[in-house]
Amino acid sequence: MAVLDFLSKKKDIVVLHYNHGTESSNEAQELVTKYCNERNISCIVDTLEKEVPKGVSTEEFWRDQRYSFFDRMSEFPPLSYRPIITCHHLDDLVETWLFTSFHGESKLIPTQRGRYLRPFLITRKAVLEDWCDRKKVPHINDPSNIDNSYMRNYIRHEVVPRALRVNPGLPKVLRKKVLNNPLIID
């Protein structure tokens, strides 16, 4: 919501919102669509209507479905000539780097991949939360984000704090890597 608020003050934007079907997805969708309606911002919503196939990571499936929606929507005017800006932040970068490192191939989220731009990738999540608090931007925290049965959450809540104990400067180290090579392949 911080990124939406920031961008809506500077640009004519179209919001793409994907409802993953988690326990607070409808609440998030309502929040985003209300915010957009009140500010006369175009908002296109899609909802996951497929079951996660057996043997497929839920998180990976959700990501693939979300990007499939973005790709489908980007084929139509007025979206066909616009970049798609995602709200990835530095904490996402740290989690992804740790997650992929544990699987033997450390990767960083690129600042750009085709039409996808991630201009907030070097911004800490706390800065975005502070924006919402200072500017009185409504936002919610999805309760599924604390469910450690999702590997990403386990890394966020259990591994990242321990990694930061080893190297409190880890976010700065990864920020530098991104700034020195912003087009890292994912």
C-alpha atoms as a PDB file:
ATOM      1  CA  MET A   1       0.000   0.000   0.000  1.00  0.00           C
ATOM      2  CA  ALA A   2       2.959   2.326   0.601  1.00  0.00           C
ATOM      3  CA  VAL A   3       4.165   1.775  -2.951  1.00  0.00           C
ATOM      4  CA  LEU A   4       0.654   2.259  -4.347  1.00  0.00           C
ATOM      5  CA  ASP A   5       0.279   5.477  -2.362  1.00  0.00           C
ATOM      6  CA  PHE A   6       3.688   6.749  -3.459  1.00  0.00           C
ATOM      7  CA  LEU A   7       3.202   5.943  -7.142  1.00  0.00           C
ATOM      8  CA  SER A   8      -0.357   7.277  -7.282  1.00  0.00           C
ATOM      9  CA  LYS A   9       0.910  10.716  -6.291  1.00  0.00           C
ATOM     10  CA  LYS A  10       3.410  10.814  -9.140  1.00  0.00           C
ATOM     11  CA  LYS A  11       1.936   8.883 -12.040  1.00  0.00           C
ATOM     12  CA  ASP A  12      -1.218   7.795 -13.794  1.00  0.00           C
ATOM     13  CA  ILE A  13      -1.256   4.150 -12.763  1.00  0.00           C
ATOM     14  CA  VAL A  14      -3.294   0.999 -13.217  1.00  0.00           C
ATOM     15  CA  VAL A  15      -3.302  -1.407 -10.280  1.00  0.00           C
ATOM     16  CA  LEU A  16      -3.206  -5.161 -10.808  1.00  0.00           C
ATOM     17  CA  HIS A  17      -4.288  -7.009  -7.674  1.00  0.00           C
ATOM     18  CA  TYR A  18      -4.149 -10.776  -7.363  1.00  0.00           C
ATOM     19  CA  ASN A  19      -6.233 -12.555  -4.730  1.00  0.00           C
ATOM     20  CA  HIS A  20      -4.374 -15.743  -3.696  1.00  0.00           C
ATOM     21  CA  GLY A  21      -7.259 -17.130  -1.680  1.00  0.00           C
ATOM     22  CA  THR A  22      -5.562 -16.953   1.723  1.00  0.00           C
ATOM     23  CA  GLU A  23      -7.633 -16.262   4.813  1.00  0.00           C
ATOM     24  CA  SER A  24      -7.199 -12.478   4.492  1.00  0.00           C
ATOM     25  CA  SER A  25      -7.107 -12.218   0.693  1.00  0.00           C
ATOM     26  CA  ASN A  26     -10.648 -10.901   0.433  1.00  0.00           C
ATOM     27  CA  GLU A  27      -9.911  -8.277   3.080  1.00  0.00           C
ATOM     28  CA  ALA A  28      -6.784  -7.216   1.174  1.00  0.00           C
ATOM     29  CA  GLN A  29      -8.703  -7.069  -2.098  1.00  0.00           C
ATOM     30  CA  GLU A  30     -11.394  -4.929  -0.465  1.00  0.00           C
ATOM     31  CA  LEU A  31      -8.744  -2.599   0.964  1.00  0.00           C
ATOM     32  CA  VAL A  32      -6.990  -2.150  -2.383  1.00  0.00           C
ATOM     33  CA  THR A  33     -10.145  -1.706  -4.443  1.00  0.00           C
ATOM     34  CA  LYS A  34     -11.623   0.772  -1.941  1.00  0.00           C
ATOM     35  CA  TYR A  35      -8.388   2.785  -1.919  1.00  0.00           C
ATOM     36  CA  CYS A  36      -8.334   2.833  -5.721  1.00  0.00           C
ATOM     37  CA  ASN A  37     -12.034   3.709  -6.055  1.00  0.00           C
ATOM     38  CA  GLU A  38     -11.694   6.617  -3.624  1.00  0.00           C
ATOM     39  CA  ARG A  39      -8.794   8.019  -5.692  1.00  0.00           C
ATOM     40  CA  ASN A  40     -10.177   7.206  -9.139  1.00  0.00           C
ATOM     41  CA  ILE A  41      -7.332   4.755  -9.839  1.00  0.00           C
ATOM     42  CA  SER A  42      -7.996   1.941 -12.306  1.00  0.00           C
ATOM     43  CA  CYS A  43      -7.813  -1.426 -10.576  1.00  0.00           C
ATOM     44  CA  ILE A  44      -7.999  -4.869 -12.187  1.00  0.00           C
ATOM     45  CA  VAL A  45      -8.468  -7.864  -9.907  1.00  0.00           C
ATOM     46  CA  ASP A  46      -8.083 -11.571 -10.517  1.00  0.00           C
ATOM     47  CA  THR A  47      -8.628 -14.435  -8.091  1.00  0.00           C
ATOM     48  CA  LEU A  48      -6.916 -17.802  -7.870  1.00  0.00           C
ATOM     49  CA  GLU A  49      -9.477 -20.423  -8.766  1.00  0.00           C
ATOM     50  CA  LYS A  50      -7.228 -23.469  -9.156  1.00  0.00           C
ATOM     51  CA  GLU A  51      -6.126 -25.997  -6.587  1.00  0.00           C
ATOM     52  CA  VAL A  52      -2.414 -26.304  -5.959  1.00  0.00           C
ATOM     53  CA  PRO A  53      -1.310 -29.440  -7.830  1.00  0.00           C
ATOM     54  CA  LYS A  54       0.043 -32.262  -5.706  1.00  0.00           C
ATOM     55  CA  GLY A  55       3.789 -32.164  -5.331  1.00  0.00           C
ATOM     56  CA  VAL A  56       4.042 -28.451  -6.238  1.00  0.00           C
ATOM     57  CA  SER A  57       5.132 -25.804  -3.735  1.00  0.00           C
ATOM     58  CA  THR A  58       2.143 -23.661  -2.762  1.00  0.00           C
ATOM     59  CA  GLU A  59       4.295 -20.535  -2.728  1.00  0.00           C
ATOM     60  CA  GLU A  60       5.735 -21.282  -6.170  1.00  0.00           C
ATOM     61  CA  PHE A  61       2.285 -22.029  -7.556  1.00  0.00           C
ATOM     62  CA  TRP A  62       0.880 -18.766  -6.179  1.00  0.00           C
ATOM     63  CA  ARG A  63       3.805 -16.799  -7.637  1.00  0.00           C
ATOM     64  CA  ASP A  64       3.419 -18.434 -11.052  1.00  0.00           C
ATOM     65  CA  GLN A  65      -0.328 -17.776 -11.111  1.00  0.00           C
ATOM     66  CA  ARG A  66       0.185 -14.146 -10.076  1.00  0.00           C
ATOM     67  CA  TYR A  67       2.766 -13.539 -12.790  1.00  0.00           C
ATOM     68  CA  SER A  68       0.554 -15.304 -15.326  1.00  0.00           C
ATOM     69  CA  PHE A  69      -2.204 -12.807 -14.471  1.00  0.00           C
ATOM     70  CA  PHE A  70       0.224  -9.889 -14.816  1.00  0.00           C
ATOM     71  CA  ASP A  71       1.429 -11.200 -18.180  1.00  0.00           C
ATOM     72  CA  ARG A  72      -2.133 -11.675 -19.475  1.00  0.00           C
ATOM     73  CA  MET A  73      -3.122  -8.164 -18.428  1.00  0.00           C
ATOM     74  CA  SER A  74      -0.026  -6.590 -19.950  1.00  0.00           C
ATOM     75  CA  GLU A  75      -1.175  -7.684 -23.401  1.00  0.00           C
ATOM     76  CA  PHE A  76      -4.062  -5.174 -23.361  1.00  0.00           C
ATOM     77  CA  PRO A  77      -4.054  -1.392 -23.715  1.00  0.00           C
ATOM     78  CA  PRO A  78      -3.507   0.704 -21.666  1.00  0.00           C
ATOM     79  CA  LEU A  79      -1.136  -1.787 -20.024  1.00  0.00           C
ATOM     80  CA  SER A  80       0.678  -3.022 -23.128  1.00  0.00           C
ATOM     81  CA  TYR A  81       3.135  -0.127 -23.153  1.00  0.00           C
ATOM     82  CA  ARG A  82       3.648   0.234 -19.400  1.00  0.00           C
ATOM     83  CA  PRO A  83       6.141  -1.392 -17.082  1.00  0.00           C
ATOM     84  CA  ILE A  84       4.821  -3.581 -14.303  1.00  0.00           C
ATOM     85  CA  ILE A  85       6.127  -2.400 -10.958  1.00  0.00           C
ATOM     86  CA  THR A  86       6.226  -4.948  -8.179  1.00  0.00           C
ATOM     87  CA  CYS A  87       6.568  -4.110  -4.511  1.00  0.00           C
ATOM     88  CA  HIS A  88       9.523  -6.340  -3.660  1.00  0.00           C
ATOM     89  CA  HIS A  89      11.682  -4.827  -0.931  1.00  0.00           C
ATOM     90  CA  LEU A  90      15.089  -5.443   0.645  1.00  0.00           C
ATOM     91  CA  ASP A  91      13.737  -7.899   3.220  1.00  0.00           C
ATOM     92  CA  ASP A  92      12.337  -9.993   0.320  1.00  0.00           C
ATOM     93  CA  LEU A  93      15.794  -9.876  -1.254  1.00  0.00           C
ATOM     94  CA  VAL A  94      17.460 -11.179   1.922  1.00  0.00           C
ATOM     95  CA  GLU A  95      14.909 -13.999   2.272  1.00  0.00           C
ATOM     96  CA  THR A  96      15.262 -15.018  -1.373  1.00  0.00           C
ATOM     97  CA  TRP A  97      19.048 -15.004  -1.207  1.00  0.00           C
ATOM     98  CA  LEU A  98      19.035 -17.208   1.910  1.00  0.00           C
ATOM     99  CA  PHE A  99      16.343 -19.517   0.488  1.00  0.00           C
ATOM    100  CA  THR A 100      18.185 -20.055  -2.795  1.00  0.00           C
ATOM    101  CA  SER A 101      21.557 -20.351  -1.046  1.00  0.00           C
ATOM    102  CA  PHE A 102      20.233 -23.287   0.968  1.00  0.00           C
ATOM    103  CA  HIS A 103      19.362 -24.962  -2.311  1.00  0.00           C
ATOM    104  CA  GLY A 104      22.882 -24.518  -3.671  1.00  0.00           C
ATOM    105  CA  GLU A 105      22.335 -21.668  -6.096  1.00  0.00           C
ATOM    106  CA  SER A 106      22.211 -18.278  -4.394  1.00  0.00           C
ATOM    107  CA  LYS A 107      20.152 -15.799  -6.398  1.00  0.00           C
ATOM    108  CA  LEU A 108      19.194 -12.197  -5.989  1.00  0.00           C
ATOM    109  CA  ILE A 109      15.907 -10.758  -7.170  1.00  0.00           C
ATOM    110  CA  PRO A 110      16.749  -8.531 -10.147  1.00  0.00           C
ATOM    111  CA  THR A 111      15.712  -4.884 -10.174  1.00  0.00           C
ATOM    112  CA  GLN A 112      14.378  -5.515 -13.667  1.00  0.00           C
ATOM    113  CA  ARG A 113      13.264  -8.570 -15.610  1.00  0.00           C
ATOM    114  CA  GLY A 114      11.738  -7.660 -18.928  1.00  0.00           C
ATOM    115  CA  ARG A 115       8.820  -5.334 -18.222  1.00  0.00           C
ATOM    116  CA  TYR A 116       8.949  -6.038 -14.498  1.00  0.00           C
ATOM    117  CA  LEU A 117      10.563  -3.271 -12.469  1.00  0.00           C
ATOM    118  CA  ARG A 118      11.374  -3.516  -8.766  1.00  0.00           C
ATOM    119  CA  PRO A 119      12.407   0.023  -7.781  1.00  0.00           C
ATOM    120  CA  PHE A 120      11.856  -0.580  -4.060  1.00  0.00           C
ATOM    121  CA  LEU A 121      14.156  -3.599  -3.901  1.00  0.00           C
ATOM    122  CA  ILE A 122      16.775  -1.689  -1.900  1.00  0.00           C
ATOM    123  CA  THR A 123      14.201  -0.304   0.557  1.00  0.00           C
ATOM    124  CA  ARG A 124      13.667  -2.010   3.911  1.00  0.00           C
ATOM    125  CA  LYS A 125      10.134  -3.205   4.659  1.00  0.00           C
ATOM    126  CA  ALA A 126      10.148  -1.083   7.836  1.00  0.00           C
ATOM    127  CA  VAL A 127      10.533   2.059   5.696  1.00  0.00           C
ATOM    128  CA  LEU A 128       7.420   1.115   3.714  1.00  0.00           C
ATOM    129  CA  GLU A 129       5.515   0.378   6.932  1.00  0.00           C
ATOM    130  CA  ASP A 130       6.647   3.734   8.328  1.00  0.00           C
ATOM    131  CA  TRP A 131       5.354   5.446   5.158  1.00  0.00           C
ATOM    132  CA  CYS A 132       1.922   3.908   5.756  1.00  0.00           C
ATOM    133  CA  ASP A 133       1.935   4.977   9.395  1.00  0.00           C
ATOM    134  CA  ARG A 134       3.088   8.556   8.733  1.00  0.00           C
ATOM    135  CA  LYS A 135       0.811   9.099   5.720  1.00  0.00           C
ATOM    136  CA  LYS A 136      -2.133   7.240   7.296  1.00  0.00           C
ATOM    137  CA  VAL A 137      -2.242   4.793   4.395  1.00  0.00           C
ATOM    138  CA  PRO A 138      -4.466   1.836   5.227  1.00  0.00           C
ATOM    139  CA  HIS A 139      -2.784  -1.562   5.150  1.00  0.00           C
ATOM    140  CA  ILE A 140      -3.115  -5.042   6.587  1.00  0.00           C
ATOM    141  CA  ASN A 141      -0.731  -7.795   7.493  1.00  0.00           C
ATOM    142  CA  ASP A 142      -1.793 -11.126   6.021  1.00  0.00           C
ATOM    143  CA  PRO A 143      -1.972 -13.592   8.941  1.00  0.00           C
ATOM    144  CA  SER A 144      -0.620 -16.313   6.635  1.00  0.00           C
ATOM    145  CA  ASN A 145       2.712 -14.449   6.748  1.00  0.00           C
ATOM    146  CA  ILE A 146       3.324 -15.811  10.242  1.00  0.00           C
ATOM    147  CA  ASP A 147       2.563 -19.420   9.320  1.00  0.00           C
ATOM    148  CA  ASN A 148       5.942 -21.154   9.428  1.00  0.00           C
ATOM    149  CA  SER A 149       4.629 -24.129   7.473  1.00  0.00           C
ATOM    150  CA  TYR A 150       5.427 -21.966   4.429  1.00  0.00           C
ATOM    151  CA  MET A 151       9.177 -22.159   3.882  1.00  0.00           C
ATOM    152  CA  ARG A 152       9.454 -18.451   3.052  1.00  0.00           C
ATOM    153  CA  ASN A 153       7.917 -17.601   6.428  1.00  0.00           C
ATOM    154  CA  TYR A 154      10.151 -20.070   8.223  1.00  0.00           C
ATOM    155  CA  ILE A 155      13.164 -18.349   6.672  1.00  0.00           C
ATOM    156  CA  ARG A 156      11.721 -14.914   7.533  1.00  0.00           C
ATOM    157  CA  HIS A 157      10.991 -15.708  11.167  1.00  0.00           C
ATOM    158  CA  GLU A 158      13.584 -18.334  12.105  1.00  0.00           C
ATOM    159  CA  VAL A 159      16.566 -18.068   9.755  1.00  0.00           C
ATOM    160  CA  VAL A 160      16.863 -14.337   9.005  1.00  0.00           C
ATOM    161  CA  PRO A 161      17.191 -13.334  12.691  1.00  0.00           C
ATOM    162  CA  ARG A 162      20.002 -15.878  13.110  1.00  0.00           C
ATOM    163  CA  ALA A 163      21.688 -14.757   9.897  1.00  0.00           C
ATOM    164  CA  LEU A 164      21.523 -11.162  11.137  1.00  0.00           C
ATOM    165  CA  ARG A 165      23.138 -12.276  14.372  1.00  0.00           C
ATOM    166  CA  VAL A 166      26.060 -13.606  12.324  1.00  0.00           C
ATOM    167  CA  ASN A 167      26.131 -10.529  10.075  1.00  0.00           C
ATOM    168  CA  PRO A 168      23.889  -7.597  11.095  1.00  0.00           C
ATOM    169  CA  GLY A 169      24.937  -5.887   7.868  1.00  0.00           C
ATOM    170  CA  LEU A 170      23.555  -8.617   5.574  1.00  0.00           C
ATOM    171  CA  PRO A 171      20.835  -6.366   4.085  1.00  0.00           C
ATOM    172  CA  LYS A 172      23.479  -3.713   3.309  1.00  0.00           C
ATOM    173  CA  VAL A 173      25.749  -6.324   1.709  1.00  0.00           C
ATOM    174  CA  LEU A 174      22.940  -7.541  -0.558  1.00  0.00           C
ATOM    175  CA  ARG A 175      21.811  -3.972  -1.308  1.00  0.00           C
ATOM    176  CA  LYS A 176      25.360  -3.256  -2.537  1.00  0.00           C
ATOM    177  CA  LYS A 177      25.312  -6.361  -4.725  1.00  0.00           C
ATOM    178  CA  VAL A 178      22.063  -5.204  -6.339  1.00  0.00           C
ATOM    179  CA  LEU A 179      23.290  -1.634  -6.791  1.00  0.00           C
ATOM    180  CA  ASN A 180      26.522  -2.878  -8.378  1.00  0.00           C
ATOM    181  CA  ASN A 181      24.665  -5.267 -10.707  1.00  0.00           C
ATOM    182  CA  PRO A 182      20.982  -4.305 -10.933  1.00  0.00           C
ATOM    183  CA  LEU A 183      20.163  -6.671 -13.796  1.00  0.00           C
ATOM    184  CA  ILE A 184      21.011  -9.876 -11.987  1.00  0.00           C
ATOM    185  CA  ILE A 185      19.307 -12.785 -13.713  1.00  0.00           C
ATOM    186  CA  ASP A 186      16.684 -14.611 -11.666  1.00  0.00           C
END
